[in-house]
Structures are given as C-alpha cells and as structure tokens.
C-alpha atoms as a PDB file:
ATOM      1  CA  UNK A   1     104.878 110.232 118.025  1.00  0.00           C
ATOM      2  CA  UNK A   2     105.215 113.902 118.691  1.00  0.00           C
ATOM      3  CA  UNK A   3     102.288 116.245 119.078  1.00  0.00           C
ATOM      4  CA  UNK A   4     102.749 117.636 115.694  1.00  0.00           C
ATOM      5  CA  UNK A   5     103.053 114.150 114.144  1.00  0.00           C
ATOM      6  CA  UNK A   6      99.888 112.866 115.524  1.00  0.00           C
ATOM      7  CA  UNK A   7      97.975 115.730 113.572  1.00  0.00           C
ATOM      8  CA  UNK A   8      99.807 114.614 110.239  1.00  0.00           C
ATOM      9  CA  UNK A   9      98.043 111.133 110.485  1.00  0.00           C
ATOM     10  CA  UNK A  10      94.659 112.464 111.890  1.00  0.00           C
ATOM     11  CA  UNK A  11      94.378 110.813 115.098  1.00  0.00           C
ATOM     12  CA  UNK A  12      94.207 111.446 118.773  1.00  0.00           C
ATOM     13  CA  UNK A  13      97.041 111.387 121.226  1.00  0.00           C
ATOM     14  CA  UNK A  14      98.408 108.045 121.850  1.00  0.00           C
ATOM     15  CA  UNK A  15      98.211 106.183 124.870  1.00  0.00           C
ATOM     16  CA  UNK A  16      99.985 103.157 126.531  1.00  0.00           C
ATOM     17  CA  UNK A  17      98.580  99.642 125.440  1.00  0.00           C
ATOM     18  CA  UNK A  18      98.441  96.345 126.744  1.00  0.00           C
ATOM     19  CA  UNK A  19     100.504  93.374 125.044  1.00  0.00           C
ATOM     20  CA  UNK A  20     100.550  89.876 125.444  1.00  0.00           C
ATOM     21  CA  UNK A  21     103.827  89.172 123.114  1.00  0.00           C
ATOM     22  CA  UNK A  22     105.664  87.422 125.925  1.00  0.00           C
ATOM     23  CA  UNK A  23     108.803  89.494 124.994  1.00  0.00           C
ATOM     24  CA  UNK A  24     108.295  92.281 127.415  1.00  0.00           C
ATOM     25  CA  UNK A  25     107.551  94.825 124.490  1.00  0.00           C
ATOM     26  CA  UNK A  26     105.712  98.022 125.088  1.00  0.00           C
ATOM     27  CA  UNK A  27     102.776  99.349 122.884  1.00  0.00           C
ATOM     28  CA  UNK A  28     101.163 102.709 122.383  1.00  0.00           C
ATOM     29  CA  UNK A  29      97.945 102.996 120.454  1.00  0.00           C
ATOM     30  CA  UNK A  30      96.521 105.980 118.499  1.00  0.00           C
ATOM     31  CA  UNK A  31      92.782 105.653 117.617  1.00  0.00           C
ATOM     32  CA  UNK A  32      90.808 108.116 115.879  1.00  0.00           C
ATOM     33  CA  UNK A  33      87.432 107.439 117.532  1.00  0.00           C
ATOM     34  CA  UNK A  34      86.235 111.163 117.664  1.00  0.00           C
ATOM     35  CA  UNK A  35      86.973 111.497 113.696  1.00  0.00           C
ATOM     36  CA  UNK A  36      86.107 109.557 110.511  1.00  0.00           C
ATOM     37  CA  UNK A  37      87.281 107.139 109.198  1.00  0.00           C
ATOM     38  CA  UNK A  38      88.021 104.807 112.044  1.00  0.00           C
ATOM     39  CA  UNK A  39      91.644 104.587 111.714  1.00  0.00           C
ATOM     40  CA  UNK A  40      93.932 102.765 114.522  1.00  0.00           C
ATOM     41  CA  UNK A  41      97.420 102.675 114.616  1.00  0.00           C
ATOM     42  CA  UNK A  42      99.456 100.504 117.308  1.00  0.00           C
ATOM     43  CA  UNK A  43     103.243 100.756 117.767  1.00  0.00           C
ATOM     44  CA  UNK A  44     105.128  98.101 119.536  1.00  0.00           C
ATOM     45  CA  UNK A  45     108.974  98.386 120.407  1.00  0.00           C
ATOM     46  CA  UNK A  46     110.403  94.788 120.242  1.00  0.00           C
ATOM     47  CA  UNK A  47     113.406  94.600 122.038  1.00  0.00           C
ATOM     48  CA  UNK A  48     114.035  90.723 121.786  1.00  0.00           C
ATOM     49  CA  UNK A  49     113.372  90.367 118.214  1.00  0.00           C
ATOM     50  CA  UNK A  50     114.128  91.479 114.641  1.00  0.00           C
ATOM     51  CA  UNK A  51     112.204  92.066 111.853  1.00  0.00           C
ATOM     52  CA  UNK A  52     113.662  89.108 109.847  1.00  0.00           C
ATOM     53  CA  UNK A  53     111.578  86.888 112.075  1.00  0.00           C
ATOM     54  CA  UNK A  54     108.450  87.856 110.573  1.00  0.00           C
ATOM     55  CA  UNK A  55     109.349  86.936 107.311  1.00  0.00           C
ATOM     56  CA  UNK A  56     107.464  83.365 107.918  1.00  0.00           C
ATOM     57  CA  UNK A  57     104.229  85.148 108.453  1.00  0.00           C
ATOM     58  CA  UNK A  58     101.504  82.695 107.731  1.00  0.00           C
ATOM     59  CA  UNK A  59      99.647  85.518 105.892  1.00  0.00           C
ATOM     60  CA  UNK A  60     102.614  86.305 103.575  1.00  0.00           C
ATOM     61  CA  UNK A  61     105.341  88.933 103.585  1.00  0.00           C
ATOM     62  CA  UNK A  62     107.241  91.183 101.730  1.00  0.00           C
ATOM     63  CA  UNK A  63     110.680  93.229 102.246  1.00  0.00           C
ATOM     64  CA  UNK A  64     110.379  96.914 101.871  1.00  0.00           C
ATOM     65  CA  UNK A  65     112.096 100.266 103.111  1.00  0.00           C
ATOM     66  CA  UNK A  66     111.057 102.487 105.935  1.00  0.00           C
ATOM     67  CA  UNK A  67     112.901 105.439 106.246  1.00  0.00           C
ATOM     68  CA  UNK A  68     116.213 103.849 104.887  1.00  0.00           C
ATOM     69  CA  UNK A  69     115.604 100.630 107.358  1.00  0.00           C
ATOM     70  CA  UNK A  70     114.640  97.443 106.078  1.00  0.00           C
ATOM     71  CA  UNK A  71     111.343  95.926 106.977  1.00  0.00           C
ATOM     72  CA  UNK A  72     108.909  93.154 106.773  1.00  0.00           C
ATOM     73  CA  UNK A  73     105.433  94.072 105.467  1.00  0.00           C
ATOM     74  CA  UNK A  74     102.497  91.775 106.359  1.00  0.00           C
ATOM     75  CA  UNK A  75      99.098  91.598 107.846  1.00  0.00           C
ATOM     76  CA  UNK A  76      98.249  89.970 111.395  1.00  0.00           C
ATOM     77  CA  UNK A  77      96.673  86.337 111.087  1.00  0.00           C
ATOM     78  CA  UNK A  78      93.158  87.323 112.318  1.00  0.00           C
ATOM     79  CA  UNK A  79      92.904  90.725 110.483  1.00  0.00           C
ATOM     80  CA  UNK A  80      91.428  91.396 107.277  1.00  0.00           C
ATOM     81  CA  UNK A  81      94.272  92.154 104.870  1.00  0.00           C
ATOM     82  CA  UNK A  82      91.916  94.601 102.920  1.00  0.00           C
ATOM     83  CA  UNK A  83      91.835  96.795 106.031  1.00  0.00           C
ATOM     84  CA  UNK A  84      95.328  96.021 107.676  1.00  0.00           C
ATOM     85  CA  UNK A  85      98.769  96.176 107.439  1.00  0.00           C
ATOM     86  CA  UNK A  86     101.941  95.649 109.865  1.00  0.00           C
ATOM     87  CA  UNK A  87     105.329  96.627 109.377  1.00  0.00           C
ATOM     88  CA  UNK A  88     108.253  95.042 111.219  1.00  0.00           C
ATOM     89  CA  UNK A  89     111.078  97.676 111.080  1.00  0.00           C
ATOM     90  CA  UNK A  90     114.584  96.448 111.827  1.00  0.00           C
ATOM     91  CA  UNK A  91     116.049  99.158 113.919  1.00  0.00           C
ATOM     92  CA  UNK A  92     118.977  97.525 115.426  1.00  0.00           C
ATOM     93  CA  UNK A  93     120.416  93.793 115.730  1.00  0.00           C
ATOM     94  CA  UNK A  94     117.723  91.579 117.335  1.00  0.00           C
ATOM     95  CA  UNK A  95     115.226  94.674 117.721  1.00  0.00           C
ATOM     96  CA  UNK A  96     112.339  95.792 115.814  1.00  0.00           C
ATOM     97  CA  UNK A  97     109.908  98.306 115.614  1.00  0.00           C
ATOM     98  CA  UNK A  98     105.885  97.103 114.772  1.00  0.00           C
ATOM     99  CA  UNK A  99     103.738  99.600 113.164  1.00  0.00           C
ATOM    100  CA  UNK A 100     100.118  98.438 112.672  1.00  0.00           C
ATOM    101  CA  UNK A 101      97.502 100.001 110.928  1.00  0.00           C
ATOM    102  CA  UNK A 102      93.859  99.163 111.103  1.00  0.00           C
ATOM    103  CA  UNK A 103      90.518 100.537 109.489  1.00  0.00           C
ATOM    104  CA  UNK A 104      88.156  98.095 111.226  1.00  0.00           C
ATOM    105  CA  UNK A 105      85.172  99.697 110.057  1.00  0.00           C
ATOM    106  CA  UNK A 106      86.443  99.890 106.342  1.00  0.00           C
ATOM    107  CA  UNK A 107      85.252 103.475 106.078  1.00  0.00           C
ATOM    108  CA  UNK A 108      88.628 104.900 104.671  1.00  0.00           C
ATOM    109  CA  UNK A 109      88.175 106.142 101.215  1.00  0.00           C
ATOM    110  CA  UNK A 110      89.401 103.108  98.792  1.00  0.00           C
ATOM    111  CA  UNK A 111      90.800 101.220 101.438  1.00  0.00           C
ATOM    112  CA  UNK A 112      93.091  98.044 100.378  1.00  0.00           C
ATOM    113  CA  UNK A 113      95.894  96.447 101.753  1.00  0.00           C
ATOM    114  CA  UNK A 114      98.224  98.729  99.855  1.00  0.00           C
ATOM    115  CA  UNK A 115      96.447 101.918 101.035  1.00  0.00           C
ATOM    116  CA  UNK A 116      96.809 100.366 104.636  1.00  0.00           C
ATOM    117  CA  UNK A 117     100.456  99.644 104.037  1.00  0.00           C
ATOM    118  CA  UNK A 118     100.976 103.305 102.806  1.00  0.00           C
ATOM    119  CA  UNK A 119      99.328 104.620 105.851  1.00  0.00           C
ATOM    120  CA  UNK A 120     101.244 102.348 108.238  1.00  0.00           C
ATOM    121  CA  UNK A 121     104.376 103.365 106.477  1.00  0.00           C
ATOM    122  CA  UNK A 122     103.900 107.180 107.049  1.00  0.00           C
ATOM    123  CA  UNK A 123     103.398 106.535 110.947  1.00  0.00           C
ATOM    124  CA  UNK A 124     106.381 104.398 110.846  1.00  0.00           C
ATOM    125  CA  UNK A 125     108.383 106.817 108.837  1.00  0.00           C
ATOM    126  CA  UNK A 126     107.371 109.584 111.815  1.00  0.00           C
ATOM    127  CA  UNK A 127     108.675 107.125 114.334  1.00  0.00           C
ATOM    128  CA  UNK A 128     111.976 106.151 112.857  1.00  0.00           C
ATOM    129  CA  UNK A 129     112.566 109.711 112.376  1.00  0.00           C
ATOM    130  CA  UNK A 130     112.022 110.282 116.373  1.00  0.00           C
ATOM    131  CA  UNK A 131     114.205 107.373 116.923  1.00  0.00           C
ATOM    132  CA  UNK A 132     117.152 108.812 114.854  1.00  0.00           C
ATOM    133  CA  UNK A 133     116.747 111.971 116.738  1.00  0.00           C
ATOM    134  CA  UNK A 134     117.011 110.574 119.962  1.00  0.00           C
ATOM    135  CA  UNK A 135     120.604 108.823 119.028  1.00  0.00           C
ATOM    136  CA  UNK A 136     122.068 112.022 117.602  1.00  0.00           C
END
C-alpha cells in the first residue's frame, strides 16, 4: 500500500514478511502494534495459484467481489474466524492476491468475522487499485 493508504487503514508502514507457502510468493505485513486495536494485515502475491483453489477451504468459503474482481472469502485453518478473515482475489489467470486481516487480541470494537472481512476487503480494494494503476 502507498503511504497515504496506510493512514486509511490506521496502521504502520508495511514490511516484507517471510512465508512458507512453497509457491515462491511474496508477502508484506502491516501491524498496528503502536496503536490500538491490535490490527494485522498480511498480503501475499501468489503467482502460481488462482483464487479458485481456495474454494475448497476446510473452514468454509464464500465468493465475493473486490473492486470488480472475483474473490474467495474464508479464514485460515488455525485462526479464530471471529477475529480473522482472508480474501483471495483473482487478479489474473492462475494468479491471486491474498489479503488477510486479524485482530489477535480481540480488541477491535464489535469484532466478528463479518467485521474482519470488511477490514480485509478495505485493504484489498486499496491494493487492487494500486495494481490497476500499475498496468495503466
């Protein structure tokens, strides 16, 4: 996310993050450690798998739209669905953008899976807008 966008989701600047997805994906992590609530966003560019792969999520999935792109909404297997949401946005054939939101402390006012997904979707919309700007 661009610096002005980081302010829109009220977090600190992102930093590269280590991942182990086995697909050579690249990650970036935004963590609001200096502010409350304890918000964490993780983004992963997955160049070797489309969003449709995640329709078989063991935690359940739902098809949604993010900024005009189809996406799979779910939660990670080891995360509490009440404080967590993951979106896999289909950005090109066989490629996806993962945007994950988590509130591990459960201190976001009114946190629920729906609220977590709204926060993940907001960040995903900003990132998809950046991708569109890159190709135009």
